[in-house]
């Protein structure tokens, strides 16, 4: 049956109310008008939103959402994650990932090397190591110890990974945009290898 003019007006008001509510929810998450426009233009986001409303898309809670939520900025979302490793500080080593004459590598190579070198730790691991910040040896000060096992999407849609850095003022945990070149000031954290007995990601 064709909609009457009254039906169309009511439908229009509902759509307007829905749009306003969506924009307000984006603002509460730390976004702005540009982020809202991006949502309306992105067909994938709109499709996922429809599936979520209809109960056909399940929200995934990553380990970092559960164990390191206090380190995730408002409005940021975990996009990829790894399970936390089990280790003591004495089990760790911080290793370079450049090869040969490389001055730097891009994010894709970094993430591949992290897996190859068994140093694909994530935010939960970084949080644990942060508690031992006072005993990180000075040879690792002013370096970036990166944890590419966790990828987070910020409010601008950019992907970031966590890192630790230590200097005279202390040890801190922060994030760096993934789409950067990664040089010899950066290191991976991994569990020391004892033959083939220690299996690490």
C-alpha atoms as a PDB file:
ATOM      1  CA  UNK A   1       0.000   0.000   0.000  1.00  0.00           C
ATOM      2  CA  UNK A   2       1.304   3.447  -0.921  1.00  0.00           C
ATOM      3  CA  UNK A   3       2.361   5.656   1.942  1.00  0.00           C
ATOM      4  CA  UNK A   4       0.295   8.728   2.663  1.00  0.00           C
ATOM      5  CA  UNK A   5       1.825  12.173   3.043  1.00  0.00           C
ATOM      6  CA  UNK A   6       1.385  11.811   6.805  1.00  0.00           C
ATOM      7  CA  UNK A   7       3.279   8.490   6.747  1.00  0.00           C
ATOM      8  CA  UNK A   8       6.121  10.077   4.777  1.00  0.00           C
ATOM      9  CA  UNK A   9       6.372  12.975   7.213  1.00  0.00           C
ATOM     10  CA  UNK A  10       6.463  10.574  10.182  1.00  0.00           C
ATOM     11  CA  UNK A  11       9.073   8.413   8.452  1.00  0.00           C
ATOM     12  CA  UNK A  12      11.174  11.493   7.707  1.00  0.00           C
ATOM     13  CA  UNK A  13      11.043  12.576  11.341  1.00  0.00           C
ATOM     14  CA  UNK A  14      12.137   9.109  12.487  1.00  0.00           C
ATOM     15  CA  UNK A  15      15.074   9.158  10.082  1.00  0.00           C
ATOM     16  CA  UNK A  16      16.043  12.614  11.322  1.00  0.00           C
ATOM     17  CA  UNK A  17      15.845  11.460  14.954  1.00  0.00           C
ATOM     18  CA  UNK A  18      17.974   8.405  14.099  1.00  0.00           C
ATOM     19  CA  UNK A  19      20.577  10.578  12.370  1.00  0.00           C
ATOM     20  CA  UNK A  20      20.732  12.968  15.320  1.00  0.00           C
ATOM     21  CA  UNK A  21      21.103  10.080  17.774  1.00  0.00           C
ATOM     22  CA  UNK A  22      23.895   8.541  15.692  1.00  0.00           C
ATOM     23  CA  UNK A  23      25.784  11.845  15.476  1.00  0.00           C
ATOM     24  CA  UNK A  24      25.427  12.351  19.230  1.00  0.00           C
ATOM     25  CA  UNK A  25      26.764   8.850  19.912  1.00  0.00           C
ATOM     26  CA  UNK A  26      29.787   9.574  17.690  1.00  0.00           C
ATOM     27  CA  UNK A  27      30.422  12.842  19.550  1.00  0.00           C
ATOM     28  CA  UNK A  28      30.206  11.042  22.918  1.00  0.00           C
ATOM     29  CA  UNK A  29      32.852   8.626  21.615  1.00  0.00           C
ATOM     30  CA  UNK A  30      35.174  11.551  20.872  1.00  0.00           C
ATOM     31  CA  UNK A  31      34.288  12.087  17.211  1.00  0.00           C
ATOM     32  CA  UNK A  32      33.067  15.129  15.306  1.00  0.00           C
ATOM     33  CA  UNK A  33      30.917  16.074  12.300  1.00  0.00           C
ATOM     34  CA  UNK A  34      33.537  14.795   9.865  1.00  0.00           C
ATOM     35  CA  UNK A  35      33.507  11.380  11.536  1.00  0.00           C
ATOM     36  CA  UNK A  36      29.716  11.312  11.300  1.00  0.00           C
ATOM     37  CA  UNK A  37      29.818  12.152   7.593  1.00  0.00           C
ATOM     38  CA  UNK A  38      32.334   9.352   7.082  1.00  0.00           C
ATOM     39  CA  UNK A  39      29.906   6.889   8.680  1.00  0.00           C
ATOM     40  CA  UNK A  40      27.089   7.879   6.346  1.00  0.00           C
ATOM     41  CA  UNK A  41      29.354   7.643   3.289  1.00  0.00           C
ATOM     42  CA  UNK A  42      30.944   4.294   4.174  1.00  0.00           C
ATOM     43  CA  UNK A  43      28.743   1.485   2.880  1.00  0.00           C
ATOM     44  CA  UNK A  44      30.587  -1.169   4.894  1.00  0.00           C
ATOM     45  CA  UNK A  45      30.001   0.669   8.163  1.00  0.00           C
ATOM     46  CA  UNK A  46      26.334   1.144   7.333  1.00  0.00           C
ATOM     47  CA  UNK A  47      25.967  -2.547   6.449  1.00  0.00           C
ATOM     48  CA  UNK A  48      27.638  -3.601   9.704  1.00  0.00           C
ATOM     49  CA  UNK A  49      25.400  -1.222  11.617  1.00  0.00           C
ATOM     50  CA  UNK A  50      22.334  -2.821  10.054  1.00  0.00           C
ATOM     51  CA  UNK A  51      23.585  -6.318  10.859  1.00  0.00           C
ATOM     52  CA  UNK A  52      24.374  -5.281  14.428  1.00  0.00           C
ATOM     53  CA  UNK A  53      20.897  -3.840  14.958  1.00  0.00           C
ATOM     54  CA  UNK A  54      19.319  -7.001  13.586  1.00  0.00           C
ATOM     55  CA  UNK A  55      21.447  -9.217  15.822  1.00  0.00           C
ATOM     56  CA  UNK A  56      23.317 -10.745  12.899  1.00  0.00           C
ATOM     57  CA  UNK A  57      26.711  -9.260  13.815  1.00  0.00           C
ATOM     58  CA  UNK A  58      28.355 -10.054  17.123  1.00  0.00           C
ATOM     59  CA  UNK A  59      30.630  -7.567  18.832  1.00  0.00           C
ATOM     60  CA  UNK A  60      34.032  -9.099  19.528  1.00  0.00           C
ATOM     61  CA  UNK A  61      35.770  -8.389  22.809  1.00  0.00           C
ATOM     62  CA  UNK A  62      39.505  -8.655  22.401  1.00  0.00           C
ATOM     63  CA  UNK A  63      41.930  -9.422  25.246  1.00  0.00           C
ATOM     64  CA  UNK A  64      42.984  -5.762  25.334  1.00  0.00           C
ATOM     65  CA  UNK A  65      39.339  -4.707  25.769  1.00  0.00           C
ATOM     66  CA  UNK A  66      39.203  -6.879  28.879  1.00  0.00           C
ATOM     67  CA  UNK A  67      42.682  -6.617  30.407  1.00  0.00           C
ATOM     68  CA  UNK A  68      44.007  -3.235  29.214  1.00  0.00           C
ATOM     69  CA  UNK A  69      40.889  -1.101  28.751  1.00  0.00           C
ATOM     70  CA  UNK A  70      42.325   1.636  30.979  1.00  0.00           C
ATOM     71  CA  UNK A  71      45.075   2.233  28.400  1.00  0.00           C
ATOM     72  CA  UNK A  72      42.712   2.600  25.416  1.00  0.00           C
ATOM     73  CA  UNK A  73      41.770   6.188  24.581  1.00  0.00           C
ATOM     74  CA  UNK A  74      38.059   7.150  24.531  1.00  0.00           C
ATOM     75  CA  UNK A  75      36.531   6.418  21.138  1.00  0.00           C
ATOM     76  CA  UNK A  76      39.355   4.092  20.062  1.00  0.00           C
ATOM     77  CA  UNK A  77      38.558   0.506  19.129  1.00  0.00           C
ATOM     78  CA  UNK A  78      40.716  -2.614  19.053  1.00  0.00           C
ATOM     79  CA  UNK A  79      40.825  -3.877  15.464  1.00  0.00           C
ATOM     80  CA  UNK A  80      43.290  -6.776  15.875  1.00  0.00           C
ATOM     81  CA  UNK A  81      44.768  -8.387  18.954  1.00  0.00           C
ATOM     82  CA  UNK A  82      46.750 -11.327  20.293  1.00  0.00           C
ATOM     83  CA  UNK A  83      46.421 -13.357  23.453  1.00  0.00           C
ATOM     84  CA  UNK A  84      48.634 -12.147  26.335  1.00  0.00           C
ATOM     85  CA  UNK A  85      51.840 -14.105  26.830  1.00  0.00           C
ATOM     86  CA  UNK A  86      52.963 -15.466  30.199  1.00  0.00           C
ATOM     87  CA  UNK A  87      56.414 -14.307  31.284  1.00  0.00           C
ATOM     88  CA  UNK A  88      58.555 -12.694  33.934  1.00  0.00           C
ATOM     89  CA  UNK A  89      60.814  -9.758  33.182  1.00  0.00           C
ATOM     90  CA  UNK A  90      63.868 -12.039  33.250  1.00  0.00           C
ATOM     91  CA  UNK A  91      62.300 -14.029  30.393  1.00  0.00           C
ATOM     92  CA  UNK A  92      62.291 -11.026  28.048  1.00  0.00           C
ATOM     93  CA  UNK A  93      64.656  -9.662  25.466  1.00  0.00           C
ATOM     94  CA  UNK A  94      64.302  -6.589  23.266  1.00  0.00           C
ATOM     95  CA  UNK A  95      65.476  -7.205  19.720  1.00  0.00           C
ATOM     96  CA  UNK A  96      65.935  -5.173  16.513  1.00  0.00           C
ATOM     97  CA  UNK A  97      64.013  -6.155  13.403  1.00  0.00           C
ATOM     98  CA  UNK A  98      65.933  -4.469  10.581  1.00  0.00           C
ATOM     99  CA  UNK A  99      67.966  -6.662   8.261  1.00  0.00           C
ATOM    100  CA  UNK A 100      71.129  -6.032   6.259  1.00  0.00           C
ATOM    101  CA  UNK A 101      71.503  -2.415   5.124  1.00  0.00           C
ATOM    102  CA  UNK A 102      67.911  -1.431   5.901  1.00  0.00           C
ATOM    103  CA  UNK A 103      67.434   2.012   7.417  1.00  0.00           C
ATOM    104  CA  UNK A 104      63.731   1.483   7.990  1.00  0.00           C
ATOM    105  CA  UNK A 105      60.765  -0.682   6.995  1.00  0.00           C
ATOM    106  CA  UNK A 106      57.069  -0.019   6.476  1.00  0.00           C
ATOM    107  CA  UNK A 107      54.244  -1.262   8.659  1.00  0.00           C
ATOM    108  CA  UNK A 108      53.481  -4.352   6.571  1.00  0.00           C
ATOM    109  CA  UNK A 109      57.071  -5.587   6.812  1.00  0.00           C
ATOM    110  CA  UNK A 110      57.215  -4.708  10.506  1.00  0.00           C
ATOM    111  CA  UNK A 111      54.201  -6.856  11.260  1.00  0.00           C
ATOM    112  CA  UNK A 112      55.562  -9.732   9.207  1.00  0.00           C
ATOM    113  CA  UNK A 113      58.953  -9.515  10.946  1.00  0.00           C
ATOM    114  CA  UNK A 114      57.267  -9.468  14.341  1.00  0.00           C
ATOM    115  CA  UNK A 115      55.702 -12.841  13.584  1.00  0.00           C
ATOM    116  CA  UNK A 116      58.892 -14.262  12.040  1.00  0.00           C
ATOM    117  CA  UNK A 117      61.008 -13.122  14.992  1.00  0.00           C
ATOM    118  CA  UNK A 118      58.431 -14.416  17.488  1.00  0.00           C
ATOM    119  CA  UNK A 119      57.969 -10.938  18.921  1.00  0.00           C
ATOM    120  CA  UNK A 120      54.346 -10.286  18.028  1.00  0.00           C
ATOM    121  CA  UNK A 121      53.301  -9.097  21.475  1.00  0.00           C
ATOM    122  CA  UNK A 122      50.323  -6.825  22.108  1.00  0.00           C
ATOM    123  CA  UNK A 123      48.873  -4.182  24.395  1.00  0.00           C
ATOM    124  CA  UNK A 124      48.273  -6.570  27.304  1.00  0.00           C
ATOM    125  CA  UNK A 125      51.948  -7.553  27.213  1.00  0.00           C
ATOM    126  CA  UNK A 126      52.983  -3.896  27.030  1.00  0.00           C
ATOM    127  CA  UNK A 127      50.843  -3.167  30.087  1.00  0.00           C
ATOM    128  CA  UNK A 128      52.605  -5.935  32.011  1.00  0.00           C
ATOM    129  CA  UNK A 129      56.085  -4.777  30.984  1.00  0.00           C
ATOM    130  CA  UNK A 130      55.153  -1.215  31.971  1.00  0.00           C
ATOM    131  CA  UNK A 131      54.875  -2.396  35.583  1.00  0.00           C
ATOM    132  CA  UNK A 132      58.561  -3.329  35.387  1.00  0.00           C
ATOM    133  CA  UNK A 133      59.571  -0.009  33.844  1.00  0.00           C
ATOM    134  CA  UNK A 134      61.993   0.889  36.616  1.00  0.00           C
ATOM    135  CA  UNK A 135      64.200  -2.120  35.837  1.00  0.00           C
ATOM    136  CA  UNK A 136      64.433  -1.750  32.057  1.00  0.00           C
ATOM    137  CA  UNK A 137      68.212  -1.512  31.378  1.00  0.00           C
ATOM    138  CA  UNK A 138      69.534   1.876  30.297  1.00  0.00           C
ATOM    139  CA  UNK A 139      70.724   0.484  26.929  1.00  0.00           C
ATOM    140  CA  UNK A 140      67.031   0.413  25.945  1.00  0.00           C
ATOM    141  CA  UNK A 141      66.267   3.957  27.086  1.00  0.00           C
ATOM    142  CA  UNK A 142      65.019   6.412  24.441  1.00  0.00           C
ATOM    143  CA  UNK A 143      63.998   3.502  22.201  1.00  0.00           C
ATOM    144  CA  UNK A 144      60.504   2.529  21.118  1.00  0.00           C
ATOM    145  CA  UNK A 145      59.609  -0.992  22.179  1.00  0.00           C
ATOM    146  CA  UNK A 146      56.725  -1.729  19.822  1.00  0.00           C
ATOM    147  CA  UNK A 147      53.871  -4.203  20.192  1.00  0.00           C
ATOM    148  CA  UNK A 148      52.383  -4.794  16.721  1.00  0.00           C
ATOM    149  CA  UNK A 149      50.196  -7.666  17.886  1.00  0.00           C
ATOM    150  CA  UNK A 150      47.522  -5.128  18.845  1.00  0.00           C
ATOM    151  CA  UNK A 151      46.147  -2.694  16.274  1.00  0.00           C
ATOM    152  CA  UNK A 152      43.744   0.030  17.368  1.00  0.00           C
ATOM    153  CA  UNK A 153      41.586   2.324  15.234  1.00  0.00           C
ATOM    154  CA  UNK A 154      41.441   5.918  16.499  1.00  0.00           C
ATOM    155  CA  UNK A 155      38.566   8.378  16.132  1.00  0.00           C
ATOM    156  CA  UNK A 156      39.935   9.539  12.767  1.00  0.00           C
ATOM    157  CA  UNK A 157      39.960   6.019  11.345  1.00  0.00           C
ATOM    158  CA  UNK A 158      43.757   5.711  11.557  1.00  0.00           C
ATOM    159  CA  UNK A 159      45.401   2.511  12.757  1.00  0.00           C
ATOM    160  CA  UNK A 160      47.868   2.608  15.652  1.00  0.00           C
ATOM    161  CA  UNK A 161      50.009   0.183  17.639  1.00  0.00           C
ATOM    162  CA  UNK A 162      51.209   0.498  21.237  1.00  0.00           C
ATOM    163  CA  UNK A 163      54.782   1.146  22.277  1.00  0.00           C
ATOM    164  CA  UNK A 164      56.788   1.622  25.456  1.00  0.00           C
ATOM    165  CA  UNK A 165      59.536   4.157  25.911  1.00  0.00           C
ATOM    166  CA  UNK A 166      61.852   4.751  28.876  1.00  0.00           C
ATOM    167  CA  UNK A 167      63.963   7.773  29.771  1.00  0.00           C
ATOM    168  CA  UNK A 168      65.206   9.583  32.891  1.00  0.00           C
ATOM    169  CA  UNK A 169      61.650  10.643  33.789  1.00  0.00           C
ATOM    170  CA  UNK A 170      60.277   7.108  33.719  1.00  0.00           C
ATOM    171  CA  UNK A 171      58.564   4.557  31.508  1.00  0.00           C
ATOM    172  CA  UNK A 172      55.401   5.317  29.536  1.00  0.00           C
ATOM    173  CA  UNK A 173      52.973   3.519  27.255  1.00  0.00           C
ATOM    174  CA  UNK A 174      51.606   5.294  24.213  1.00  0.00           C
ATOM    175  CA  UNK A 175      50.533   4.700  20.605  1.00  0.00           C
ATOM    176  CA  UNK A 176      51.998   5.477  17.203  1.00  0.00           C
ATOM    177  CA  UNK A 177      50.234   5.533  13.874  1.00  0.00           C
ATOM    178  CA  UNK A 178      50.950   2.264  12.085  1.00  0.00           C
ATOM    179  CA  UNK A 179      51.424   3.929   8.705  1.00  0.00           C
ATOM    180  CA  UNK A 180      54.969   5.091   9.490  1.00  0.00           C
ATOM    181  CA  UNK A 181      58.468   3.967   8.685  1.00  0.00           C
ATOM    182  CA  UNK A 182      60.021   1.993  11.526  1.00  0.00           C
ATOM    183  CA  UNK A 183      63.763   2.432  12.061  1.00  0.00           C
ATOM    184  CA  UNK A 184      66.606   1.283  14.294  1.00  0.00           C
ATOM    185  CA  UNK A 185      65.264   3.233  17.259  1.00  0.00           C
ATOM    186  CA  UNK A 186      62.485   0.648  17.468  1.00  0.00           C
ATOM    187  CA  UNK A 187      62.658  -2.803  19.031  1.00  0.00           C
ATOM    188  CA  UNK A 188      60.417  -5.821  19.500  1.00  0.00           C
ATOM    189  CA  UNK A 189      59.807  -7.490  22.846  1.00  0.00           C
ATOM    190  CA  UNK A 190      59.887 -11.257  22.911  1.00  0.00           C
ATOM    191  CA  UNK A 191      60.460 -14.168  25.250  1.00  0.00           C
ATOM    192  CA  UNK A 192      64.025 -15.466  25.144  1.00  0.00           C
ATOM    193  CA  UNK A 193      64.455 -18.573  23.055  1.00  0.00           C
ATOM    194  CA  UNK A 194      65.955 -21.642  24.723  1.00  0.00           C
ATOM    195  CA  UNK A 195      66.571 -23.974  21.807  1.00  0.00           C
ATOM    196  CA  UNK A 196      63.119 -24.791  20.480  1.00  0.00           C
ATOM    197  CA  UNK A 197      61.570 -25.255  23.891  1.00  0.00           C
ATOM    198  CA  UNK A 198      60.196 -21.744  24.275  1.00  0.00           C
ATOM    199  CA  UNK A 199      57.320 -21.353  21.802  1.00  0.00           C
ATOM    200  CA  UNK A 200      56.365 -17.723  21.398  1.00  0.00           C
ATOM    201  CA  UNK A 201      54.037 -16.064  18.926  1.00  0.00           C
END
